[in-house]
């Protein structure tokens, strides 16, 4: 699902919020790691929290459509930060 279908605010404002939110998430992951919490446990908890919040904000059907597109995005490298392009 395209982000704009779930986007409650203007794109430029939203982009700023998304960058700031990602910074908060990165700090939370770092803090958890410093406390000895395995990163995969933090990722699982973050994913669960994200999905429940999205359902609360946009409803089950919209989130189900978003999640249905994840396998293709993941397989195509959409969530791979460090990759070599050939």
N, C-alpha and C. Protein backbone atom coordinates (compact mmCIF):
# COMPACT_ATOMS: atom_id res chain seq x y z
N UNK A 1 0.84 -1.17 0.00
CA UNK A 1 0.00 0.00 0.00
C UNK A 1 0.88 1.23 0.00
N UNK A 2 0.52 2.18 -0.77
CA UNK A 2 1.28 3.42 -0.80
C UNK A 2 1.07 4.17 0.50
N UNK A 3 2.14 4.85 0.99
CA UNK A 3 2.06 5.59 2.25
C UNK A 3 0.94 6.62 2.24
N UNK A 4 0.71 7.25 1.09
CA UNK A 4 -0.29 8.30 1.05
C UNK A 4 -1.70 7.80 1.37
N UNK A 5 -1.94 6.51 1.19
CA UNK A 5 -3.25 5.96 1.53
C UNK A 5 -3.45 5.89 3.04
N UNK A 6 -2.38 5.87 3.78
CA UNK A 6 -2.47 5.83 5.24
C UNK A 6 -2.06 7.16 5.86
N UNK A 7 -1.82 8.15 5.03
CA UNK A 7 -1.22 9.39 5.50
C UNK A 7 -2.26 10.38 6.00
N UNK A 8 -2.28 10.71 7.29
CA UNK A 8 -3.27 11.64 7.82
C UNK A 8 -2.87 13.10 7.73
N UNK A 9 -1.60 13.39 7.36
CA UNK A 9 -1.14 14.78 7.29
C UNK A 9 -0.45 15.02 5.96
N UNK A 10 -0.16 16.32 5.67
CA UNK A 10 0.50 16.68 4.42
C UNK A 10 1.84 15.96 4.29
N UNK A 11 2.24 15.67 3.06
CA UNK A 11 3.45 14.89 2.80
C UNK A 11 4.70 15.53 3.38
N UNK A 12 4.89 16.83 3.22
CA UNK A 12 6.12 17.45 3.72
C UNK A 12 6.17 17.42 5.23
N UNK A 13 5.07 17.66 5.87
CA UNK A 13 5.00 17.58 7.33
C UNK A 13 5.21 16.14 7.76
N UNK A 14 4.57 15.23 7.05
CA UNK A 14 4.67 13.81 7.37
C UNK A 14 6.09 13.30 7.23
N UNK A 15 6.80 13.72 6.18
CA UNK A 15 8.18 13.28 5.99
C UNK A 15 9.04 13.70 7.17
N UNK A 16 8.86 14.91 7.65
CA UNK A 16 9.60 15.40 8.81
C UNK A 16 9.26 14.56 10.04
N UNK A 17 7.98 14.30 10.24
CA UNK A 17 7.57 13.47 11.37
C UNK A 17 8.16 12.07 11.27
N UNK A 18 8.18 11.50 10.05
CA UNK A 18 8.71 10.16 9.87
C UNK A 18 10.20 10.11 10.17
N UNK A 19 10.95 11.11 9.73
CA UNK A 19 12.38 11.15 10.03
C UNK A 19 12.63 11.29 11.53
N UNK A 20 11.86 12.16 12.16
CA UNK A 20 12.01 12.34 13.60
C UNK A 20 11.61 11.08 14.35
N UNK A 21 10.53 10.44 13.91
CA UNK A 21 10.08 9.21 14.55
C UNK A 21 11.13 8.10 14.40
N UNK A 22 11.74 8.01 13.23
CA UNK A 22 12.77 6.99 13.01
C UNK A 22 13.96 7.24 13.94
N UNK A 23 14.31 8.49 14.17
CA UNK A 23 15.40 8.80 15.10
C UNK A 23 15.06 8.32 16.51
N UNK A 24 13.81 8.50 16.91
CA UNK A 24 13.37 8.02 18.23
C UNK A 24 13.46 6.50 18.30
N UNK A 25 13.03 5.84 17.22
CA UNK A 25 13.08 4.37 17.20
C UNK A 25 14.52 3.88 17.27
N UNK A 26 15.42 4.52 16.54
CA UNK A 26 16.83 4.11 16.57
C UNK A 26 17.40 4.25 17.98
N UNK A 27 17.05 5.33 18.66
CA UNK A 27 17.52 5.52 20.04
C UNK A 27 16.93 4.46 20.96
N UNK A 28 15.66 4.11 20.76
CA UNK A 28 15.02 3.08 21.59
C UNK A 28 15.71 1.73 21.38
N UNK A 29 16.04 1.40 20.15
CA UNK A 29 16.75 0.16 19.87
C UNK A 29 18.13 0.18 20.53
N UNK A 30 18.83 1.31 20.42
CA UNK A 30 20.15 1.43 21.05
C UNK A 30 20.05 1.31 22.57
N UNK A 31 19.06 1.96 23.16
CA UNK A 31 18.87 1.88 24.62
C UNK A 31 18.58 0.45 25.06
N UNK A 32 17.72 -0.24 24.31
CA UNK A 32 17.39 -1.63 24.64
C UNK A 32 18.63 -2.51 24.53
N UNK A 33 19.43 -2.29 23.48
CA UNK A 33 20.66 -3.05 23.31
C UNK A 33 21.61 -2.80 24.47
N UNK A 34 21.71 -1.54 24.89
CA UNK A 34 22.56 -1.20 26.04
C UNK A 34 22.09 -1.90 27.31
N UNK A 35 20.79 -2.16 27.41
CA UNK A 35 20.22 -2.84 28.57
C UNK A 35 20.27 -4.36 28.43
N UNK A 36 20.85 -4.85 27.33
CA UNK A 36 20.99 -6.28 27.13
C UNK A 36 19.78 -6.97 26.54
N UNK A 37 18.85 -6.21 26.01
CA UNK A 37 17.67 -6.80 25.39
C UNK A 37 18.02 -7.13 23.94
N UNK A 38 17.82 -8.37 23.52
CA UNK A 38 18.15 -8.75 22.15
C UNK A 38 17.39 -7.91 21.12
N UNK A 39 18.08 -7.51 20.08
CA UNK A 39 17.50 -6.63 19.07
C UNK A 39 16.29 -7.27 18.40
N UNK A 40 16.28 -8.60 18.23
CA UNK A 40 15.14 -9.24 17.61
C UNK A 40 13.89 -9.15 18.49
N UNK A 41 14.07 -9.17 19.81
CA UNK A 41 12.94 -9.01 20.72
C UNK A 41 12.37 -7.60 20.64
N UNK A 42 13.26 -6.63 20.52
CA UNK A 42 12.83 -5.23 20.39
C UNK A 42 12.10 -5.04 19.07
N UNK A 43 12.65 -5.62 18.00
CA UNK A 43 12.02 -5.50 16.68
C UNK A 43 10.63 -6.12 16.68
N UNK A 44 10.49 -7.28 17.30
CA UNK A 44 9.18 -7.94 17.37
C UNK A 44 8.19 -7.08 18.14
N UNK A 45 8.62 -6.54 19.28
CA UNK A 45 7.74 -5.68 20.08
C UNK A 45 7.38 -4.41 19.31
N UNK A 46 8.34 -3.84 18.60
CA UNK A 46 8.08 -2.62 17.82
C UNK A 46 7.10 -2.90 16.69
N UNK A 47 7.26 -4.05 16.03
CA UNK A 47 6.34 -4.42 14.95
C UNK A 47 4.93 -4.62 15.48
N UNK A 48 4.80 -5.31 16.60
CA UNK A 48 3.49 -5.52 17.21
C UNK A 48 2.87 -4.17 17.59
N UNK A 49 3.65 -3.31 18.23
CA UNK A 49 3.14 -1.99 18.63
C UNK A 49 2.74 -1.17 17.40
N UNK A 50 3.55 -1.24 16.35
CA UNK A 50 3.24 -0.49 15.13
C UNK A 50 1.94 -0.98 14.50
N UNK A 51 1.80 -2.29 14.38
CA UNK A 51 0.59 -2.83 13.75
C UNK A 51 -0.66 -2.52 14.56
N UNK A 52 -0.59 -2.67 15.87
CA UNK A 52 -1.78 -2.38 16.68
C UNK A 52 -2.14 -0.90 16.61
N UNK A 53 -1.13 -0.03 16.57
CA UNK A 53 -1.40 1.40 16.45
C UNK A 53 -1.99 1.74 15.09
N UNK A 54 -1.45 1.15 14.03
CA UNK A 54 -2.00 1.40 12.69
C UNK A 54 -3.44 0.92 12.59
N UNK A 55 -3.74 -0.24 13.16
CA UNK A 55 -5.12 -0.73 13.15
C UNK A 55 -6.02 0.25 13.90
N UNK A 56 -5.55 0.73 15.02
CA UNK A 56 -6.32 1.70 15.80
C UNK A 56 -6.59 2.98 15.00
N UNK A 57 -5.59 3.43 14.25
CA UNK A 57 -5.70 4.68 13.49
C UNK A 57 -6.45 4.53 12.18
N UNK A 58 -6.25 3.41 11.47
CA UNK A 58 -6.75 3.29 10.10
C UNK A 58 -7.69 2.12 9.87
N UNK A 59 -7.80 1.21 10.83
CA UNK A 59 -8.70 0.08 10.69
C UNK A 59 -8.02 -1.16 10.14
N UNK A 60 -8.66 -2.29 10.41
CA UNK A 60 -8.09 -3.58 10.03
C UNK A 60 -7.89 -3.72 8.54
N UNK A 61 -8.87 -3.32 7.74
CA UNK A 61 -8.79 -3.53 6.29
C UNK A 61 -7.62 -2.77 5.66
N UNK A 62 -7.43 -1.53 6.03
CA UNK A 62 -6.31 -0.75 5.48
C UNK A 62 -4.97 -1.36 5.87
N UNK A 63 -4.85 -1.77 7.11
CA UNK A 63 -3.58 -2.36 7.57
C UNK A 63 -3.37 -3.73 6.92
N UNK A 64 -4.43 -4.48 6.73
CA UNK A 64 -4.31 -5.78 6.06
C UNK A 64 -3.78 -5.59 4.63
N UNK A 65 -4.27 -4.57 3.93
CA UNK A 65 -3.77 -4.30 2.58
C UNK A 65 -2.30 -3.89 2.62
N UNK A 66 -1.93 -3.09 3.59
CA UNK A 66 -0.53 -2.67 3.75
C UNK A 66 0.36 -3.88 3.98
N UNK A 67 -0.03 -4.74 4.90
CA UNK A 67 0.77 -5.91 5.26
C UNK A 67 0.83 -6.91 4.11
N UNK A 68 -0.22 -7.00 3.31
CA UNK A 68 -0.23 -7.92 2.17
C UNK A 68 0.86 -7.58 1.15
N UNK A 69 1.28 -6.34 1.09
CA UNK A 69 2.32 -5.91 0.15
C UNK A 69 3.73 -6.11 0.70
N UNK A 70 3.86 -6.45 1.98
CA UNK A 70 5.19 -6.56 2.58
C UNK A 70 6.07 -7.65 1.98
N UNK A 71 5.56 -8.85 1.68
CA UNK A 71 6.47 -9.87 1.12
C UNK A 71 7.20 -9.39 -0.13
N UNK A 72 6.49 -8.75 -1.04
CA UNK A 72 7.12 -8.26 -2.27
C UNK A 72 8.14 -7.16 -1.96
N UNK A 73 7.78 -6.24 -1.05
CA UNK A 73 8.71 -5.17 -0.69
C UNK A 73 9.96 -5.73 -0.03
N UNK A 74 9.78 -6.70 0.84
CA UNK A 74 10.92 -7.31 1.54
C UNK A 74 11.81 -8.05 0.54
N UNK A 75 11.20 -8.86 -0.31
CA UNK A 75 11.95 -9.64 -1.29
C UNK A 75 12.71 -8.77 -2.28
N UNK A 76 12.15 -7.61 -2.60
CA UNK A 76 12.80 -6.73 -3.56
C UNK A 76 13.82 -5.80 -2.91
N UNK A 77 14.05 -5.97 -1.60
CA UNK A 77 15.07 -5.18 -0.92
C UNK A 77 14.58 -3.86 -0.35
N UNK A 78 13.30 -3.68 -0.30
CA UNK A 78 12.74 -2.43 0.19
C UNK A 78 13.07 -2.11 1.65
N UNK A 79 13.45 -3.12 2.41
CA UNK A 79 13.78 -2.91 3.82
C UNK A 79 15.21 -3.32 4.14
N UNK A 80 16.01 -3.51 3.10
CA UNK A 80 17.42 -3.86 3.29
C UNK A 80 18.24 -2.59 3.22
N UNK A 81 18.86 -2.23 4.36
CA UNK A 81 19.60 -0.97 4.41
C UNK A 81 20.97 -1.08 3.75
N UNK A 82 21.66 -2.17 3.98
CA UNK A 82 22.99 -2.34 3.43
C UNK A 82 22.93 -3.43 2.35
N UNK A 83 22.98 -3.01 1.11
CA UNK A 83 22.96 -3.97 0.02
C UNK A 83 23.86 -3.48 -1.10
N UNK A 84 24.33 -4.42 -1.88
CA UNK A 84 25.17 -4.10 -3.03
C UNK A 84 24.33 -4.14 -4.28
N UNK A 85 24.32 -3.04 -5.00
CA UNK A 85 23.59 -3.01 -6.27
C UNK A 85 24.52 -3.45 -7.37
N UNK A 86 24.06 -4.36 -8.21
CA UNK A 86 24.92 -4.87 -9.29
C UNK A 86 24.46 -4.37 -10.63
